[in-house]
Amino acid sequence: MAKKKEKKPSKPMQVWKLYKTQGNKVERNNQFCPKCGDGVFLSAHKDREVCGKCNYSNFKK
């Protein structure tokens, strides 16, 4: 029989990198997805922003 591949443990999401605090105010670093709504962030790439849930893309000029 063929050997089964071992699964690598997934890294936990680093939520603190999505927000920035200044004094008593909290600001988001990334935008929310316009299709999925609040709570689903767009991931920031060099030339685009992409939603991981619905694959919505916003290309930068």
Protein backbone atom coordinates (compact mmCIF):
# COMPACT_ATOMS: atom_id res chain seq x y z
CA MET A 1 0.00 0.00 0.00
CA ALA A 2 1.02 3.56 -0.61
CA LYS A 3 2.08 5.62 2.37
CA LYS A 4 -0.25 8.37 3.49
CA LYS A 5 1.11 11.90 3.47
CA GLU A 6 1.25 13.64 6.82
CA LYS A 7 -0.83 16.78 7.13
CA LYS A 8 1.01 19.90 8.22
CA PRO A 9 -0.66 21.77 11.06
CA SER A 10 -2.32 24.99 9.90
CA LYS A 11 -1.18 28.30 11.31
CA PRO A 12 -3.71 30.26 13.38
CA MET A 13 -5.05 33.47 11.85
CA GLN A 14 -3.24 36.54 13.17
CA VAL A 15 -6.24 38.80 13.74
CA TRP A 16 -4.22 41.56 15.41
CA LYS A 17 -2.58 42.36 12.05
CA LEU A 18 -5.97 43.32 10.54
CA TYR A 19 -6.51 46.23 12.96
CA LYS A 20 -4.55 49.29 14.08
CA THR A 21 -5.15 51.12 17.36
CA GLN A 22 -4.48 54.79 18.05
CA GLY A 23 -5.45 55.93 21.54
CA ASN A 24 -9.08 54.87 22.04
CA LYS A 25 -9.84 54.37 18.33
CA VAL A 26 -9.58 51.12 16.37
CA GLU A 27 -9.07 51.23 12.57
CA ARG A 28 -9.17 48.44 10.00
CA ASN A 29 -6.09 47.94 7.80
CA ASN A 30 -7.95 46.04 5.06
CA GLN A 31 -11.35 46.63 3.48
CA PHE A 32 -14.41 44.43 3.91
CA CYS A 33 -15.74 42.48 0.91
CA PRO A 34 -18.66 44.36 -0.74
CA LYS A 35 -20.39 41.08 -1.71
CA CYS A 36 -19.95 39.08 1.52
CA GLY A 37 -20.46 42.03 3.87
CA ASP A 38 -18.96 42.94 7.22
CA GLY A 39 -16.59 40.47 8.83
CA VAL A 40 -14.96 39.15 5.62
CA PHE A 41 -11.76 41.00 4.78
CA LEU A 42 -10.12 41.44 1.37
CA SER A 43 -6.55 40.20 1.37
CA ALA A 44 -4.07 42.82 0.18
CA HIS A 45 -1.67 41.77 -2.58
CA LYS A 46 0.79 43.87 -4.58
CA ASP A 47 -1.53 44.47 -7.55
CA ARG A 48 -5.00 43.49 -6.26
CA GLU A 49 -7.29 42.85 -3.29
CA VAL A 50 -9.09 39.49 -3.19
CA CYS A 51 -11.86 37.95 -1.09
CA GLY A 52 -11.00 34.40 -0.03
CA LYS A 53 -14.65 33.44 0.37
CA CYS A 54 -16.31 34.52 -2.91
CA ASN A 55 -13.20 35.29 -5.06
CA TYR A 56 -14.19 38.95 -5.57
CA SER A 57 -11.18 40.86 -6.97
CA ASN A 58 -10.42 44.57 -6.85
CA PHE A 59 -7.44 45.41 -9.08
CA LYS A 60 -5.17 48.35 -8.24
CA LYS A 61 -4.18 50.75 -10.99
